Amino acid sequence: MRHPLAVIVSVGVVFLYLHLFILPATPVFTWGDQSIFLDEATRMLRGELIYRDFFEFVFPGLDTYYFALFSVFGPHAWVPDASLVLIGVALTWVVSLIAAKVVKGAPAYLAGLLFLTFPFQSLLDGTHHWYSTFAVMAALAVLMESRSRTRLAAAGALCGLAVWFTQSRGAGAMLGFAAYLIWERRQRRASWKSLLVQEGCLSGPFLIVTLASNAYFVWKAGLERFWYCTVTFVLKYYPAEPYNNWRAYLGPPPHFAPWPRLIEMGIWFAINALLPLVYVLFFVRYWRQRRDSGEPWDRLMLVNLAGLFLFLSVAPSPGYSRLCAVSPPAFILLAWFATRPGWLERWLVRLLWVAALALLIVEPIYRQTHWRTVLDLPTGHTAYLDRGSLERFDWIRTHVKTGDYFFGDTLACFALGLREPSEIPFVTASDYTRPEQVERLVNDLEAKQVPWILWYSGLDRPLPHIRGRSHVEPLHAYLQRCCHLAKTFSNGDQIWQRN
């Protein structure tokens, strides 16, 4: 087992390095929500504190992680890219490790390769989702062999760590493991007392880690503020944006340009079809074949329930990125389904191998030969691959000085060493942005005499199905009163400069 796992890890390192670094060692300018957390980590380097000085609705795990890395290595562009390589390889390894316990032979390692080449490489965005999922998968790996008290305690602690990165992810995994213990008690006809002991061994460390990991931030920001940001806001206002509620499922697919990216369109369809269908199909197969003693039903049920509850943790807003993040158990079960006897299964496993191996070759070649321009930024030499967004970024780079206040673009703030002037880094045309936040933003813009403000074109053309009304009119009025239009980009975004 060790030799195949070593091969999987080595392949993962090479594959992801060629995705995230242009040879020999130039980091790629990566997009996505990770820019919010990178920007927040740099704010923490300047002495600011999450929740107290700037708004965030997830628990502080990822901000603290990036803050620790930047404290050691500095806020350089290669740091988040290297972190993505590490977390991607770690997830691929743990998926392969778990799959090897339920699938025999080479197909056991197909699950890891499918995860690496399907969801992970199509969503190279170093947000809290991947880190919380890794903690959950590590907990699942701990419980695969047995459910001893020590292993349950370790799994509970790992779920607490997952909560520190994503509240719903760790809580969903805990419910999945708790449900599995109930199922296992029934199968083994164990006593209710033994079940209660097991549940206590699981939940006790979970609560301890959850409370201990957040205690410092609750102390500094105050319990009321912490609760509003991480609970009240999430329940009441977070779903206001259509990509934060059920409408996100099967929403607009990502934009894929040349023909190699048509492969990614297929990945998008595959992941949306796989979740949650594979869990339902497993229950059907289990009901029909549960008396087959040749299958490790206990381990398979553990994987299935963990995956199902991970899916339920994102079901209120099942966007593509969230589905990718909770997909590892689904790929383990897919590999198991592909090894069932039958002509359809034989063709399926061949097709999956061909797809995974083709992507291992095609994607790095495409990335290394794709158009790019290398920019010398305050965060270091960085390869910029997106022609479409270069216009705005290049204008900001040449007009705004390092250290200036700039509002509206977290990625530019991180890459160019700019400072955020207020508690929120952007505004939206929905209830997601609260009126009191806009009021404080306008006050901060005036008090700090912020010279540059980005007005996102979507504020004039709100997304359909948003909840509530827009509260950004005071900001628009402030721009008209105190600023002048400095630049309008081809996509409609505007830069306003203080008079």
Protein backbone atom coordinates (compact mmCIF):
# COMPACT_ATOMS: atom_id res chain seq x y z
CA MET A 1 0.00 0.00 0.00
CA ARG A 2 2.80 2.42 0.80
CA HIS A 3 4.31 2.34 -2.68
CA PRO A 4 1.08 3.25 -4.56
CA LEU A 5 0.34 5.99 -2.05
CA ALA A 6 3.83 7.40 -2.55
CA VAL A 7 3.21 7.43 -6.31
CA ILE A 8 -0.14 9.19 -5.83
CA VAL A 9 1.49 11.84 -3.62
CA SER A 10 4.35 12.39 -6.08
CA VAL A 11 1.95 12.69 -9.01
CA GLY A 12 -0.15 15.15 -7.01
CA VAL A 13 2.84 17.35 -6.17
CA VAL A 14 3.99 17.53 -9.81
CA PHE A 15 0.47 18.02 -11.19
CA LEU A 16 -0.45 20.85 -8.81
CA TYR A 17 2.95 22.53 -9.01
CA LEU A 18 2.62 22.73 -12.80
CA HIS A 19 -0.83 24.23 -12.30
CA LEU A 20 0.12 26.84 -9.74
CA PHE A 21 3.68 27.74 -10.78
CA ILE A 22 5.07 28.58 -14.19
CA LEU A 23 8.40 26.83 -14.58
CA PRO A 24 10.78 27.18 -13.00
CA ALA A 25 9.23 28.93 -9.97
CA THR A 26 6.87 31.79 -10.82
CA PRO A 27 3.59 31.63 -8.87
CA VAL A 28 0.36 32.00 -10.81
CA PHE A 29 -1.97 34.86 -9.95
CA THR A 30 -4.88 32.87 -8.48
CA TRP A 31 -8.46 34.12 -8.44
CA GLY A 32 -11.43 33.38 -6.24
CA ASP A 33 -12.66 33.99 -2.74
CA GLN A 34 -9.24 33.21 -1.28
CA SER A 35 -8.29 36.84 -2.00
CA ILE A 36 -10.70 37.91 0.77
CA PHE A 37 -8.86 35.79 3.33
CA LEU A 38 -5.43 36.76 2.05
CA ASP A 39 -6.40 40.41 2.38
CA GLU A 40 -7.77 39.81 5.87
CA ALA A 41 -4.57 38.04 6.92
CA THR A 42 -2.52 41.07 5.85
CA ARG A 43 -4.85 43.26 7.90
CA MET A 44 -4.08 41.04 10.90
CA LEU A 45 -0.37 41.56 10.18
CA ARG A 46 -1.02 45.29 10.63
CA GLY A 47 -2.57 44.67 14.04
CA GLU A 48 -6.24 44.46 13.13
CA LEU A 49 -8.47 41.71 14.51
CA ILE A 50 -11.14 39.68 12.78
CA TYR A 51 -14.73 40.56 13.78
CA ARG A 52 -13.61 43.55 15.85
CA ASP A 53 -11.89 45.57 13.10
CA PHE A 54 -13.21 43.89 9.97
CA PHE A 55 -16.24 41.79 9.15
CA GLU A 56 -16.15 38.05 8.46
CA PHE A 57 -18.92 35.47 8.78
CA VAL A 58 -16.86 32.24 8.95
CA PHE A 59 -14.89 31.10 11.96
CA PRO A 60 -11.30 32.43 12.13
CA GLY A 61 -9.38 29.28 11.12
CA LEU A 62 -8.28 30.31 7.63
CA ASP A 63 -7.48 33.91 8.56
CA THR A 64 -5.33 32.62 11.42
CA TYR A 65 -3.65 30.05 9.15
CA TYR A 66 -2.69 32.63 6.51
CA PHE A 67 -1.69 35.09 9.22
CA ALA A 68 0.71 32.49 10.65
CA LEU A 69 2.21 31.78 7.22
CA PHE A 70 2.62 35.47 6.42
CA SER A 71 4.20 36.07 9.83
CA VAL A 72 6.88 33.50 8.98
CA PHE A 73 7.35 33.92 5.22
CA GLY A 74 5.87 37.34 4.52
CA PRO A 75 2.79 38.18 2.38
CA HIS A 76 4.16 36.78 -0.88
CA ALA A 77 2.19 35.42 -3.83
CA TRP A 78 3.90 32.02 -3.65
CA VAL A 79 2.59 31.35 -0.13
CA PRO A 80 -1.10 30.72 -1.01
CA ASP A 81 -0.07 28.78 -4.13
CA ALA A 82 2.27 26.54 -2.13
CA SER A 83 -0.50 26.07 0.44
CA LEU A 84 -2.84 24.92 -2.32
CA VAL A 85 -0.28 22.35 -3.45
CA LEU A 86 0.03 21.03 0.09
CA ILE A 87 -3.69 20.84 0.87
CA GLY A 88 -4.43 19.29 -2.54
CA VAL A 89 -1.81 16.59 -2.07
CA ALA A 90 -2.96 15.97 1.52
CA LEU A 91 -6.58 15.55 0.40
CA THR A 92 -5.58 13.26 -2.47
CA TRP A 93 -3.55 11.13 -0.06
CA VAL A 94 -6.30 10.77 2.54
CA VAL A 95 -8.93 10.00 -0.14
CA SER A 96 -6.67 7.26 -1.54
CA LEU A 97 -5.97 5.95 1.95
CA ILE A 98 -9.67 5.62 2.77
CA ALA A 99 -10.55 4.19 -0.65
CA ALA A 100 -7.92 1.46 -0.20
CA LYS A 101 -9.92 0.20 2.79
CA VAL A 102 -13.11 -0.37 0.79
CA VAL A 103 -11.84 -1.04 -2.75
CA LYS A 104 -9.37 -3.73 -3.71
CA GLY A 105 -6.52 -3.35 -6.18
CA ALA A 106 -5.59 -0.46 -8.44
CA PRO A 107 -9.12 1.07 -8.54
CA ALA A 108 -8.59 2.00 -4.90
CA TYR A 109 -6.24 4.76 -6.06
CA LEU A 110 -8.58 5.85 -8.82
CA ALA A 111 -10.65 7.74 -6.24
CA GLY A 112 -7.69 9.93 -5.29
CA LEU A 113 -6.76 10.67 -8.90
CA LEU A 114 -10.37 11.48 -9.77
CA PHE A 115 -10.61 13.89 -6.86
CA LEU A 116 -7.31 15.53 -7.81
CA THR A 117 -8.12 15.94 -11.51
CA PHE A 118 -11.85 16.61 -11.30
CA PRO A 119 -12.98 18.90 -8.45
CA PHE A 120 -9.69 20.08 -6.99
CA GLN A 121 -7.91 21.24 -10.12
CA SER A 122 -11.09 22.86 -11.42
CA LEU A 123 -11.41 24.89 -8.20
CA LEU A 124 -7.91 26.04 -7.27
CA ASP A 125 -9.18 28.49 -4.70
CA GLY A 126 -7.53 28.31 -1.28
CA THR A 127 -10.59 29.05 0.83
CA HIS A 128 -11.74 27.57 4.13
CA HIS A 129 -13.70 24.86 2.30
CA TRP A 130 -10.69 22.69 1.44
CA TYR A 131 -9.15 22.93 4.90
CA SER A 132 -12.33 22.01 6.75
CA THR A 133 -12.92 19.12 4.34
CA PHE A 134 -9.42 17.80 4.97
CA ALA A 135 -10.05 17.80 8.73
CA VAL A 136 -13.29 15.86 8.17
CA MET A 137 -11.61 13.35 5.85
CA ALA A 138 -8.82 12.87 8.40
CA ALA A 139 -11.51 12.12 11.01
CA LEU A 140 -13.10 9.64 8.61
CA ALA A 141 -9.74 7.92 8.07
CA VAL A 142 -9.29 7.61 11.85
CA LEU A 143 -12.66 5.87 12.23
CA MET A 144 -12.28 3.45 9.32
CA GLU A 145 -10.42 0.78 11.30
CA SER A 146 -12.51 0.86 14.49
CA ARG A 147 -14.62 3.07 16.68
CA SER A 148 -12.64 2.79 19.90
CA ARG A 149 -12.91 5.56 22.46
CA THR A 150 -9.51 6.93 21.51
CA ARG A 151 -10.37 7.02 17.82
CA LEU A 152 -13.75 8.61 18.48
CA ALA A 153 -12.10 11.29 20.60
CA ALA A 154 -9.57 12.00 17.85
CA ALA A 155 -12.32 12.17 15.22
CA GLY A 156 -14.34 14.55 17.39
CA ALA A 157 -11.32 16.82 17.83
CA LEU A 158 -10.73 16.84 14.07
CA CYS A 159 -14.38 17.79 13.48
CA GLY A 160 -13.85 20.63 15.94
CA LEU A 161 -10.89 21.71 13.82
CA ALA A 162 -13.12 21.55 10.75
CA VAL A 163 -15.61 23.85 12.50
CA TRP A 164 -12.78 26.33 13.09
CA PHE A 165 -12.49 26.67 9.31
CA THR A 166 -16.15 26.21 8.29
CA GLN A 167 -18.93 26.09 10.88
CA SER A 168 -21.34 23.94 8.88
CA ARG A 169 -18.72 21.49 7.60
CA GLY A 170 -17.54 20.29 11.00
CA ALA A 171 -21.06 20.24 12.44
CA GLY A 172 -22.35 18.25 9.47
CA ALA A 173 -19.57 15.70 9.82
CA MET A 174 -20.31 15.32 13.53
CA LEU A 175 -23.95 14.55 12.78
CA GLY A 176 -22.90 12.05 10.13
CA PHE A 177 -20.58 10.21 12.50
CA ALA A 178 -23.22 10.29 15.25
CA ALA A 179 -25.77 8.79 12.84
CA TYR A 180 -23.31 6.07 11.89
CA LEU A 181 -22.82 5.10 15.55
CA ILE A 182 -26.59 4.66 15.84
CA TRP A 183 -26.61 2.46 12.73
CA GLU A 184 -23.66 0.43 14.02
CA ARG A 185 -25.28 -0.11 17.42
CA ARG A 186 -28.30 -1.60 15.69
CA GLN A 187 -26.16 -3.87 13.54
CA ARG A 188 -24.19 -5.17 16.52
CA ARG A 189 -27.18 -5.17 18.88
CA ALA A 190 -25.15 -3.21 21.42
CA SER A 191 -26.64 -1.53 24.47
CA TRP A 192 -27.87 2.05 24.54
CA LYS A 193 -25.40 2.73 27.33
CA SER A 194 -22.46 1.83 25.11
CA LEU A 195 -23.89 4.10 22.40
CA LEU A 196 -24.12 7.02 24.83
CA VAL A 197 -20.50 6.45 25.87
CA GLN A 198 -19.42 6.46 22.22
CA GLU A 199 -21.39 9.62 21.45
CA GLY A 200 -19.83 11.29 24.49
CA CYS A 201 -16.31 10.32 23.39
CA LEU A 202 -17.06 11.86 19.99
CA SER A 203 -18.85 15.04 21.09
CA GLY A 204 -16.72 15.94 24.12
CA PRO A 205 -13.45 16.66 22.24
CA PHE A 206 -15.50 18.28 19.48
CA LEU A 207 -16.92 20.84 21.89
CA ILE A 208 -13.59 21.38 23.62
CA VAL A 209 -11.71 22.10 20.38
CA THR A 210 -14.53 24.28 19.03
CA LEU A 211 -14.65 26.42 22.17
CA ALA A 212 -10.89 26.58 22.69
CA SER A 213 -10.08 27.53 19.09
CA ASN A 214 -12.52 30.46 19.12
CA ALA A 215 -12.09 31.64 22.72
CA TYR A 216 -9.42 34.26 21.98
CA PHE A 217 -11.46 35.88 19.22
CA VAL A 218 -14.63 35.87 21.33
CA TRP A 219 -12.67 37.53 24.13
CA LYS A 220 -11.20 40.23 21.88
CA ALA A 221 -14.23 40.98 19.72
CA GLY A 222 -16.92 40.32 22.33
CA LEU A 223 -19.45 37.50 22.40
CA GLU A 224 -22.24 39.65 20.98
CA ARG A 225 -20.19 40.72 17.95
CA PHE A 226 -18.82 37.21 17.37
CA TRP A 227 -22.33 35.74 17.54
CA TYR A 228 -23.74 38.33 15.14
CA CYS A 229 -21.01 37.76 12.53
CA THR A 230 -20.89 33.96 12.62
CA VAL A 231 -24.49 33.01 13.46
CA THR A 232 -27.03 35.83 13.08
CA PHE A 233 -25.64 37.16 9.80
CA VAL A 234 -25.28 33.67 8.33
CA LEU A 235 -28.87 32.75 9.12
CA LYS A 236 -30.56 36.05 8.24
CA TYR A 237 -28.55 37.86 5.57
CA TYR A 238 -26.03 35.49 3.98
CA PRO A 239 -28.69 33.82 1.74
CA ALA A 240 -29.70 37.18 0.24
CA GLU A 241 -27.35 36.65 -2.70
CA PRO A 242 -28.66 34.01 -5.16
CA TYR A 243 -25.35 32.12 -5.15
CA ASN A 244 -25.70 31.79 -1.35
CA ASN A 245 -29.02 29.94 -1.36
CA TRP A 246 -30.65 26.95 -3.06
CA ARG A 247 -30.69 28.76 -6.41
CA ALA A 248 -26.93 28.18 -6.62
CA TYR A 249 -27.51 24.52 -7.55
CA LEU A 250 -27.02 24.01 -11.27
CA GLY A 251 -26.45 27.72 -11.60
CA PRO A 252 -24.42 29.21 -14.44
CA PRO A 253 -21.36 27.03 -15.06
CA PRO A 254 -17.89 28.55 -14.88
CA HIS A 255 -16.62 30.28 -18.01
CA PHE A 256 -14.36 27.99 -20.00
CA ALA A 257 -12.68 29.46 -23.02
CA PRO A 258 -10.65 27.30 -25.45
CA TRP A 259 -11.34 23.68 -26.27
CA PRO A 260 -9.22 22.13 -23.45
CA ARG A 261 -11.56 23.85 -21.00
CA LEU A 262 -14.51 21.96 -22.48
CA ILE A 263 -13.18 19.11 -20.35
CA GLU A 264 -13.89 21.24 -17.33
CA MET A 265 -17.45 21.73 -18.50
CA GLY A 266 -17.79 17.96 -18.40
CA ILE A 267 -16.38 17.99 -14.86
CA TRP A 268 -18.98 20.58 -13.87
CA PHE A 269 -21.80 18.40 -15.14
CA ALA A 270 -20.28 15.27 -13.55
CA ILE A 271 -19.99 16.79 -10.08
CA ASN A 272 -23.50 18.24 -10.16
CA ALA A 273 -24.82 14.82 -11.21
CA LEU A 274 -22.69 12.85 -8.76
CA LEU A 275 -23.92 14.74 -5.68
CA PRO A 276 -26.09 13.61 -4.00
CA LEU A 277 -27.08 10.84 -6.44
CA VAL A 278 -24.22 8.52 -5.48
CA TYR A 279 -25.36 8.42 -1.85
CA VAL A 280 -28.91 7.51 -2.83
CA LEU A 281 -27.64 4.78 -5.17
CA PHE A 282 -25.51 3.37 -2.38
CA PHE A 283 -28.53 3.02 -0.09
CA VAL A 284 -30.34 1.19 -2.89
CA ARG A 285 -27.38 -1.16 -3.46
CA TYR A 286 -27.00 -1.74 0.28
CA TRP A 287 -30.69 -2.60 0.72
CA ARG A 288 -30.51 -5.16 -2.07
CA GLN A 289 -27.13 -6.71 -1.24
CA ARG A 290 -26.62 -6.12 2.50
CA ARG A 291 -26.51 -9.85 3.17
CA ASP A 292 -23.44 -10.19 0.94
CA SER A 293 -20.72 -10.81 3.52
CA GLY A 294 -17.97 -10.20 0.98
CA GLU A 295 -18.42 -6.43 1.13
CA PRO A 296 -17.10 -4.17 3.94
CA TRP A 297 -20.57 -2.72 4.53
CA ASP A 298 -19.62 -1.11 7.83
CA ARG A 299 -16.83 0.93 6.26
CA LEU A 300 -18.90 1.74 3.18
CA MET A 301 -21.79 2.94 5.30
CA LEU A 302 -19.39 5.14 7.29
CA VAL A 303 -18.15 6.75 4.07
CA ASN A 304 -21.68 7.11 2.74
CA LEU A 305 -23.12 8.75 5.85
CA ALA A 306 -20.12 11.06 6.20
CA GLY A 307 -20.51 12.11 2.57
CA LEU A 308 -24.27 12.50 2.79
CA PHE A 309 -24.07 14.77 5.84
CA LEU A 310 -21.27 16.76 4.22
CA PHE A 311 -23.60 17.32 1.29
CA LEU A 312 -26.41 18.33 3.65
CA SER A 313 -24.06 20.87 5.23
CA VAL A 314 -23.94 22.74 1.90
CA ALA A 315 -27.47 21.90 0.72
CA PRO A 316 -28.87 25.34 1.68
CA SER A 317 -26.45 26.89 -0.85
CA PRO A 318 -25.20 24.05 -3.11
CA GLY A 319 -23.05 26.08 -5.48
CA TYR A 320 -20.42 24.42 -7.63
CA SER A 321 -17.50 25.40 -5.39
CA ARG A 322 -19.21 23.98 -2.30
CA LEU A 323 -20.12 20.75 -4.09
CA CYS A 324 -16.49 20.35 -5.13
CA ALA A 325 -15.37 20.87 -1.54
CA VAL A 326 -17.61 18.12 -0.12
CA SER A 327 -17.09 15.65 -2.96
CA PRO A 328 -14.24 13.39 -1.65
CA PRO A 329 -16.53 10.69 -0.14
CA ALA A 330 -18.55 10.65 -3.36
CA PHE A 331 -15.44 9.80 -5.41
CA ILE A 332 -14.56 6.99 -3.01
CA LEU A 333 -18.02 5.49 -3.52
CA LEU A 334 -17.80 6.08 -7.27
CA ALA A 335 -14.58 4.02 -7.36
CA TRP A 336 -16.34 1.28 -5.40
CA PHE A 337 -19.32 1.29 -7.79
CA ALA A 338 -16.94 1.07 -10.75
CA THR A 339 -15.48 -2.21 -9.44
CA ARG A 340 -18.82 -4.03 -9.24
CA PRO A 341 -19.17 -7.02 -11.59
CA GLY A 342 -20.86 -6.25 -14.88
CA TRP A 343 -20.07 -4.91 -18.33
CA LEU A 344 -21.30 -1.41 -17.50
CA GLU A 345 -19.01 -1.21 -14.48
CA ARG A 346 -16.04 -2.47 -16.51
CA TRP A 347 -16.57 0.25 -19.08
CA LEU A 348 -17.08 2.83 -16.36
CA VAL A 349 -13.79 2.08 -14.62
CA ARG A 350 -11.94 2.22 -17.94
CA LEU A 351 -13.55 5.53 -18.82
CA LEU A 352 -12.67 7.00 -15.43
CA TRP A 353 -9.05 5.89 -15.70
CA VAL A 354 -8.76 7.39 -19.18
CA ALA A 355 -10.33 10.68 -18.03
CA ALA A 356 -8.10 10.98 -14.94
CA LEU A 357 -4.88 10.12 -16.79
CA ALA A 358 -5.75 12.40 -19.73
CA LEU A 359 -6.30 15.32 -17.38
CA LEU A 360 -3.02 14.59 -15.60
CA ILE A 361 -1.26 15.19 -18.91
CA VAL A 362 -3.41 17.75 -20.74
CA GLU A 363 -4.03 20.24 -17.94
CA PRO A 364 -0.37 20.94 -16.96
CA ILE A 365 0.67 21.26 -20.60
CA TYR A 366 -2.17 23.69 -21.26
CA ARG A 367 -1.33 25.74 -18.17
CA GLN A 368 2.39 25.93 -18.96
CA THR A 369 1.82 26.94 -22.60
CA HIS A 370 -1.14 29.29 -21.98
CA TRP A 371 -0.81 33.03 -22.59
CA ARG A 372 0.63 34.88 -19.61
CA THR A 373 2.42 37.99 -18.58
CA VAL A 374 4.78 38.16 -15.62
CA LEU A 375 4.28 41.16 -13.35
CA ASP A 376 6.65 42.49 -10.71
CA LEU A 377 4.34 43.11 -7.74
CA PRO A 378 4.92 43.96 -4.08
CA THR A 379 4.07 40.32 -3.36
CA GLY A 380 6.75 39.15 -5.81
CA HIS A 381 7.03 38.08 -9.46
CA THR A 382 3.62 36.71 -10.45
CA ALA A 383 2.32 35.14 -13.65
CA TYR A 384 -0.95 36.76 -14.73
CA LEU A 385 -3.03 34.43 -16.94
CA ASP A 386 -6.35 36.24 -17.37
CA ARG A 387 -6.42 38.63 -20.31
CA GLY A 388 -9.96 39.74 -19.52
CA SER A 389 -9.20 41.15 -16.08
CA LEU A 390 -5.72 42.48 -16.86
CA GLU A 391 -7.10 45.87 -17.97
CA ARG A 392 -8.43 46.75 -14.52
CA PHE A 393 -5.59 45.26 -12.55
CA ASP A 394 -2.92 46.90 -14.68
CA TRP A 395 -4.61 50.31 -14.35
CA ILE A 396 -4.73 50.00 -10.57
CA ARG A 397 -1.11 48.83 -10.52
CA THR A 398 0.11 51.86 -12.45
CA HIS A 399 -2.04 54.53 -10.78
CA VAL A 400 -2.33 53.53 -7.12
CA LYS A 401 0.70 53.64 -4.83
CA THR A 402 1.62 50.82 -2.46
CA GLY A 403 0.22 51.61 0.97
CA ASP A 404 -2.65 53.77 -0.33
CA TYR A 405 -6.18 53.20 0.87
CA PHE A 406 -8.26 51.48 -1.80
CA PHE A 407 -11.80 50.17 -1.54
CA GLY A 408 -13.52 47.49 -3.60
CA ASP A 409 -10.92 44.93 -4.78
CA THR A 410 -9.49 42.49 -2.23
CA LEU A 411 -7.21 40.80 -4.76
CA ALA A 412 -5.62 44.09 -5.80
CA CYS A 413 -5.25 45.08 -2.15
CA PHE A 414 -3.33 41.89 -1.35
CA ALA A 415 -1.22 41.78 -4.52
CA LEU A 416 -0.35 45.47 -4.55
CA GLY A 417 0.03 46.10 -0.82
CA LEU A 418 -2.97 48.42 -0.57
CA ARG A 419 -4.94 49.10 2.60
CA GLU A 420 -8.61 48.48 3.27
CA PRO A 421 -10.30 51.57 4.74
CA SER A 422 -13.33 49.97 6.39
CA GLU A 423 -14.70 46.82 8.04
CA ILE A 424 -16.19 45.47 4.79
CA PRO A 425 -14.06 44.96 1.64
CA PHE A 426 -16.92 45.29 -0.87
CA VAL A 427 -20.64 45.98 -1.12
CA THR A 428 -23.49 44.15 -2.83
CA ALA A 429 -26.90 45.21 -4.11
CA SER A 430 -28.81 43.00 -1.66
CA ASP A 431 -29.48 42.47 2.03
CA TYR A 432 -26.08 40.76 2.22
CA THR A 433 -24.66 44.26 2.68
CA ARG A 434 -26.35 45.82 5.67
CA PRO A 435 -27.32 49.54 5.75
CA GLU A 436 -25.31 50.12 8.92
CA GLN A 437 -22.24 48.70 7.18
CA VAL A 438 -22.68 51.16 4.30
CA GLU A 439 -23.09 54.00 6.77
CA ARG A 440 -19.85 53.09 8.56
CA LEU A 441 -18.13 52.66 5.19
CA VAL A 442 -19.03 56.18 4.08
CA ASN A 443 -17.85 57.57 7.41
CA ASP A 444 -14.53 55.71 7.07
CA LEU A 445 -14.04 56.89 3.49
CA GLU A 446 -14.43 60.45 4.64
CA ALA A 447 -12.44 60.16 7.85
CA LYS A 448 -9.47 58.52 6.11
CA GLN A 449 -9.78 60.61 2.94
CA VAL A 450 -9.66 57.44 0.84
CA PRO A 451 -8.36 58.41 -2.63
CA TRP A 452 -9.55 55.42 -4.68
CA ILE A 453 -12.91 53.61 -4.74
CA LEU A 454 -14.04 50.85 -7.09
CA TRP A 455 -17.70 50.86 -8.16
CA TYR A 456 -18.54 47.36 -9.34
CA SER A 457 -20.77 47.29 -12.44
CA GLY A 458 -23.03 44.69 -10.81
CA LEU A 459 -24.21 47.31 -8.35
CA ASP A 460 -26.05 48.99 -11.21
CA ARG A 461 -27.31 45.63 -12.57
CA PRO A 462 -28.23 43.51 -9.54
CA LEU A 463 -28.44 39.74 -9.96
CA PRO A 464 -31.96 38.32 -10.32
CA HIS A 465 -33.63 36.69 -7.33
CA ILE A 466 -31.73 38.71 -4.75
CA ARG A 467 -33.35 39.01 -1.33
CA GLY A 468 -34.22 42.45 -0.01
CA ARG A 469 -33.29 45.75 -1.56
CA SER A 470 -30.00 47.45 -2.23
CA HIS A 471 -28.58 49.63 0.53
CA VAL A 472 -25.66 51.14 -1.40
CA GLU A 473 -27.29 54.45 -2.38
CA PRO A 474 -25.44 56.41 0.36
CA LEU A 475 -22.15 55.20 -1.15
CA HIS A 476 -23.25 56.21 -4.64
CA ALA A 477 -24.30 59.64 -3.35
CA TYR A 478 -20.94 60.04 -1.62
CA LEU A 479 -19.10 59.27 -4.86
CA GLN A 480 -21.16 61.88 -6.72
CA ARG A 481 -20.52 64.46 -4.01
CA CYS A 482 -16.86 63.94 -3.12
CA CYS A 483 -15.23 62.11 -6.05
CA HIS A 484 -14.90 62.19 -9.80
CA LEU A 485 -14.87 59.34 -12.30
CA ALA A 486 -11.26 58.46 -13.09
CA LYS A 487 -11.68 55.37 -15.26
CA THR A 488 -14.40 53.21 -16.78
CA PHE A 489 -13.34 49.73 -17.87
CA SER A 490 -14.72 47.68 -20.73
CA ASN A 491 -16.79 45.50 -18.37
CA GLY A 492 -18.47 48.55 -16.82
CA ASP A 493 -16.47 48.70 -13.59
CA GLN A 494 -15.47 52.21 -12.54
CA ILE A 495 -12.67 53.76 -10.52
CA TRP A 496 -13.57 56.94 -8.65
CA GLN A 497 -10.93 59.30 -7.33
CA ARG A 498 -11.31 61.76 -4.47
CA ASN A 499 -11.65 65.38 -5.64
